[in-house]
């Protein structure tokens, strides 16, 4: 499970980078929460926040992708969805 949590952290970091691109200012709250939970996970290795905010980031990235498909890599969406699936199902 720890390996999966590490992968989720890495994918959340990629999502944060994508959300930090210009033109995504509507998602500032999600970006700040994502920064916080990544730092928190690095400190205490508790993945609960990664799953919760990772899901919000996933939804935000899907919205961005629906409007402008080239702004979000399909692989990022796929990886994020795979990491979150055990929790979502």
N, C-alpha and C. Protein backbone atom coordinates (compact mmCIF):
# COMPACT_ATOMS: atom_id res chain seq x y z
N UNK A 1 0.82 -1.20 0.00
CA UNK A 1 0.00 0.00 0.00
C UNK A 1 0.87 1.26 0.00
N UNK A 2 2.01 1.20 0.67
CA UNK A 2 2.87 2.37 0.74
C UNK A 2 3.37 2.77 -0.64
N UNK A 3 3.66 1.78 -1.48
CA UNK A 3 4.12 2.07 -2.84
C UNK A 3 3.03 2.80 -3.63
N UNK A 4 1.79 2.39 -3.43
CA UNK A 4 0.66 3.04 -4.10
C UNK A 4 0.51 4.48 -3.61
N UNK A 5 0.70 4.70 -2.33
CA UNK A 5 0.62 6.05 -1.77
C UNK A 5 1.72 6.95 -2.33
N UNK A 6 2.91 6.38 -2.49
CA UNK A 6 4.02 7.15 -3.07
C UNK A 6 3.70 7.53 -4.52
N UNK A 7 3.12 6.59 -5.25
CA UNK A 7 2.75 6.87 -6.63
C UNK A 7 1.68 7.96 -6.69
N UNK A 8 0.70 7.88 -5.78
CA UNK A 8 -0.34 8.90 -5.73
C UNK A 8 0.27 10.26 -5.43
N UNK A 9 1.22 10.32 -4.50
CA UNK A 9 1.89 11.58 -4.19
C UNK A 9 2.57 12.16 -5.43
N UNK A 10 3.25 11.30 -6.16
CA UNK A 10 3.95 11.74 -7.37
C UNK A 10 2.97 12.25 -8.43
N UNK A 11 1.86 11.55 -8.59
CA UNK A 11 0.86 11.95 -9.58
C UNK A 11 0.18 13.25 -9.14
N UNK A 12 -0.05 13.40 -7.85
CA UNK A 12 -0.63 14.65 -7.34
C UNK A 12 0.33 15.81 -7.58
N UNK A 13 1.63 15.54 -7.47
CA UNK A 13 2.63 16.57 -7.75
C UNK A 13 2.55 16.98 -9.22
N UNK A 14 2.38 16.01 -10.12
CA UNK A 14 2.23 16.31 -11.55
C UNK A 14 0.95 17.11 -11.80
N UNK A 15 -0.12 16.75 -11.09
CA UNK A 15 -1.38 17.47 -11.22
C UNK A 15 -1.22 18.92 -10.78
N UNK A 16 -0.48 19.12 -9.71
CA UNK A 16 -0.22 20.47 -9.21
C UNK A 16 0.54 21.29 -10.25
N UNK A 17 1.52 20.69 -10.86
CA UNK A 17 2.29 21.38 -11.91
C UNK A 17 1.36 21.77 -13.06
N UNK A 18 0.48 20.87 -13.44
CA UNK A 18 -0.46 21.15 -14.52
C UNK A 18 -1.44 22.26 -14.12
N UNK A 19 -1.92 22.22 -12.90
CA UNK A 19 -2.86 23.24 -12.44
C UNK A 19 -2.19 24.61 -12.29
N UNK A 20 -0.88 24.62 -12.11
CA UNK A 20 -0.15 25.88 -11.96
C UNK A 20 0.11 26.58 -13.29
N UNK A 21 -0.26 25.95 -14.39
CA UNK A 21 -0.08 26.58 -15.70
C UNK A 21 -0.94 27.83 -15.79
N UNK A 22 -0.49 28.82 -16.55
CA UNK A 22 -1.28 30.05 -16.72
C UNK A 22 -2.69 29.75 -17.25
N UNK A 23 -3.64 30.50 -16.75
CA UNK A 23 -5.02 30.33 -17.19
C UNK A 23 -5.84 29.42 -16.31
N UNK A 24 -5.23 28.86 -15.27
CA UNK A 24 -5.95 27.97 -14.38
C UNK A 24 -6.18 28.60 -13.01
N UNK A 25 -6.33 29.91 -12.97
CA UNK A 25 -6.46 30.61 -11.69
C UNK A 25 -7.77 30.29 -10.97
N UNK A 26 -8.74 29.74 -11.68
CA UNK A 26 -10.01 29.38 -11.04
C UNK A 26 -9.82 28.23 -10.05
N UNK A 27 -8.69 27.56 -10.13
CA UNK A 27 -8.45 26.39 -9.27
C UNK A 27 -7.43 26.68 -8.18
N UNK A 28 -7.28 27.93 -7.80
CA UNK A 28 -6.29 28.32 -6.78
C UNK A 28 -6.50 27.60 -5.45
N UNK A 29 -7.75 27.42 -5.05
CA UNK A 29 -8.03 26.76 -3.77
C UNK A 29 -7.57 25.30 -3.81
N UNK A 30 -7.86 24.62 -4.91
CA UNK A 30 -7.44 23.23 -5.04
C UNK A 30 -5.92 23.14 -5.07
N UNK A 31 -5.27 24.10 -5.75
CA UNK A 31 -3.81 24.10 -5.82
C UNK A 31 -3.20 24.24 -4.43
N UNK A 32 -3.73 25.16 -3.64
CA UNK A 32 -3.15 25.35 -2.31
C UNK A 32 -3.40 24.14 -1.41
N UNK A 33 -4.57 23.54 -1.53
CA UNK A 33 -4.85 22.34 -0.74
C UNK A 33 -3.96 21.18 -1.17
N UNK A 34 -3.73 21.08 -2.47
CA UNK A 34 -2.87 20.01 -3.00
C UNK A 34 -1.44 20.19 -2.50
N UNK A 35 -0.94 21.42 -2.51
CA UNK A 35 0.40 21.69 -1.98
C UNK A 35 0.49 21.27 -0.51
N UNK A 36 -0.56 21.60 0.24
CA UNK A 36 -0.58 21.28 1.67
C UNK A 36 -0.56 19.77 1.91
N UNK A 37 -1.43 19.02 1.21
CA UNK A 37 -1.51 17.58 1.49
C UNK A 37 -0.27 16.84 0.99
N UNK A 38 0.37 17.34 -0.06
CA UNK A 38 1.62 16.71 -0.50
C UNK A 38 2.69 16.90 0.58
N UNK A 39 2.80 18.11 1.11
CA UNK A 39 3.75 18.37 2.19
C UNK A 39 3.42 17.58 3.44
N UNK A 40 2.15 17.50 3.75
CA UNK A 40 1.70 16.75 4.92
C UNK A 40 2.04 15.27 4.77
N UNK A 41 1.79 14.73 3.58
CA UNK A 41 2.11 13.32 3.35
C UNK A 41 3.62 13.08 3.49
N UNK A 42 4.41 13.98 2.95
CA UNK A 42 5.86 13.84 3.06
C UNK A 42 6.31 13.83 4.52
N UNK A 43 5.59 14.54 5.36
CA UNK A 43 5.95 14.63 6.77
C UNK A 43 5.48 13.41 7.57
N UNK A 44 4.19 13.03 7.42
CA UNK A 44 3.65 11.99 8.30
C UNK A 44 3.24 10.69 7.60
N UNK A 45 3.35 10.65 6.27
CA UNK A 45 3.02 9.45 5.47
C UNK A 45 1.57 9.01 5.61
N UNK A 46 0.68 9.93 5.99
CA UNK A 46 -0.75 9.64 6.07
C UNK A 46 -1.39 10.09 4.74
N UNK A 47 -1.90 9.14 3.93
CA UNK A 47 -2.35 9.47 2.58
C UNK A 47 -3.80 9.95 2.47
N UNK A 48 -4.51 10.11 3.56
CA UNK A 48 -5.92 10.45 3.50
C UNK A 48 -6.16 11.74 2.71
N UNK A 49 -5.39 12.77 2.99
CA UNK A 49 -5.54 14.04 2.28
C UNK A 49 -5.22 13.92 0.80
N UNK A 50 -4.24 13.08 0.45
CA UNK A 50 -3.90 12.89 -0.95
C UNK A 50 -5.10 12.33 -1.72
N UNK A 51 -5.78 11.38 -1.12
CA UNK A 51 -6.95 10.79 -1.78
C UNK A 51 -8.08 11.80 -1.91
N UNK A 52 -8.33 12.53 -0.85
CA UNK A 52 -9.44 13.49 -0.85
C UNK A 52 -9.19 14.64 -1.83
N UNK A 53 -8.06 15.29 -1.73
CA UNK A 53 -7.76 16.44 -2.58
C UNK A 53 -7.33 15.97 -3.98
N UNK A 54 -6.74 14.79 -4.07
CA UNK A 54 -6.41 14.22 -5.37
C UNK A 54 -7.65 14.03 -6.21
N UNK A 55 -8.74 13.65 -5.56
CA UNK A 55 -10.02 13.50 -6.26
C UNK A 55 -10.52 14.85 -6.77
N UNK A 56 -10.39 15.89 -5.96
CA UNK A 56 -10.78 17.24 -6.40
C UNK A 56 -9.92 17.69 -7.57
N UNK A 57 -8.63 17.41 -7.49
CA UNK A 57 -7.72 17.78 -8.59
C UNK A 57 -8.08 17.02 -9.86
N UNK A 58 -8.44 15.76 -9.72
CA UNK A 58 -8.84 14.94 -10.87
C UNK A 58 -10.06 15.56 -11.56
N UNK A 59 -11.04 15.96 -10.76
CA UNK A 59 -12.25 16.57 -11.33
C UNK A 59 -11.91 17.90 -12.02
N UNK A 60 -11.04 18.68 -11.41
CA UNK A 60 -10.63 19.96 -11.99
C UNK A 60 -9.90 19.74 -13.31
N UNK A 61 -9.01 18.75 -13.34
CA UNK A 61 -8.27 18.47 -14.57
C UNK A 61 -9.19 17.95 -15.67
N UNK A 62 -10.21 17.19 -15.28
CA UNK A 62 -11.18 16.73 -16.28
C UNK A 62 -11.93 17.92 -16.88
N UNK A 63 -12.28 18.90 -16.04
CA UNK A 63 -12.96 20.11 -16.54
C UNK A 63 -12.06 20.87 -17.52
N UNK A 64 -10.80 21.04 -17.14
CA UNK A 64 -9.86 21.74 -18.00
C UNK A 64 -9.70 20.99 -19.32
N UNK A 65 -9.57 19.68 -19.22
CA UNK A 65 -9.38 18.85 -20.40
C UNK A 65 -10.59 18.89 -21.33
N UNK A 66 -11.78 19.00 -20.76
CA UNK A 66 -12.99 19.07 -21.57
C UNK A 66 -13.03 20.36 -22.39
N UNK A 67 -12.55 21.45 -21.78
CA UNK A 67 -12.53 22.74 -22.47
C UNK A 67 -11.37 22.85 -23.44
N UNK A 68 -10.19 22.45 -22.97
CA UNK A 68 -8.98 22.56 -23.79
C UNK A 68 -8.17 21.27 -23.65
N UNK A 69 -8.45 20.29 -24.51
CA UNK A 69 -7.83 18.96 -24.38
C UNK A 69 -6.30 18.94 -24.37
N UNK A 70 -5.67 19.91 -24.99
CA UNK A 70 -4.20 19.89 -25.07
C UNK A 70 -3.53 20.40 -23.81
N UNK A 71 -4.29 20.96 -22.86
CA UNK A 71 -3.70 21.51 -21.63
C UNK A 71 -3.40 20.43 -20.60
N UNK A 72 -4.05 19.27 -20.73
CA UNK A 72 -3.89 18.20 -19.74
C UNK A 72 -3.50 16.92 -20.46
N UNK A 73 -2.40 16.31 -20.03
CA UNK A 73 -1.97 15.06 -20.64
C UNK A 73 -2.95 13.95 -20.28
N UNK A 74 -3.31 13.15 -21.27
CA UNK A 74 -4.21 12.02 -21.02
C UNK A 74 -3.59 11.04 -20.03
N UNK A 75 -2.28 10.88 -20.11
CA UNK A 75 -1.59 9.96 -19.20
C UNK A 75 -1.72 10.42 -17.75
N UNK A 76 -1.72 11.72 -17.53
CA UNK A 76 -1.88 12.25 -16.17
C UNK A 76 -3.27 11.90 -15.63
N UNK A 77 -4.29 12.11 -16.44
CA UNK A 77 -5.65 11.77 -16.02
C UNK A 77 -5.77 10.27 -15.74
N UNK A 78 -5.18 9.47 -16.61
CA UNK A 78 -5.24 8.01 -16.45
C UNK A 78 -4.53 7.58 -15.17
N UNK A 79 -3.32 8.12 -14.94
CA UNK A 79 -2.57 7.75 -13.74
C UNK A 79 -3.29 8.18 -12.47
N UNK A 80 -3.85 9.37 -12.49
CA UNK A 80 -4.56 9.87 -11.31
C UNK A 80 -5.80 9.02 -11.04
N UNK A 81 -6.51 8.68 -12.09
CA UNK A 81 -7.70 7.85 -11.93
C UNK A 81 -7.33 6.46 -11.39
N UNK A 82 -6.25 5.89 -11.90
CA UNK A 82 -5.82 4.57 -11.43
C UNK A 82 -5.43 4.59 -9.96
N UNK A 83 -4.77 5.65 -9.54
CA UNK A 83 -4.37 5.77 -8.14
C UNK A 83 -5.55 5.96 -7.21
N UNK A 84 -6.58 6.63 -7.71
CA UNK A 84 -7.75 6.95 -6.88
C UNK A 84 -8.83 5.87 -6.93
N UNK A 85 -8.78 4.99 -7.91
CA UNK A 85 -9.84 3.99 -8.13
C UNK A 85 -10.14 3.14 -6.90
N UNK A 86 -9.15 2.61 -6.18
CA UNK A 86 -9.51 1.79 -5.02
C UNK A 86 -10.38 2.53 -4.01
N UNK A 87 -10.20 3.82 -3.91
CA UNK A 87 -10.97 4.62 -2.96
C UNK A 87 -12.33 4.96 -3.53
N UNK A 88 -12.39 5.19 -4.84
CA UNK A 88 -13.63 5.59 -5.47
C UNK A 88 -14.62 4.43 -5.58
N UNK A 89 -14.14 3.20 -5.65
CA UNK A 89 -15.04 2.07 -5.85
C UNK A 89 -15.55 1.48 -4.57
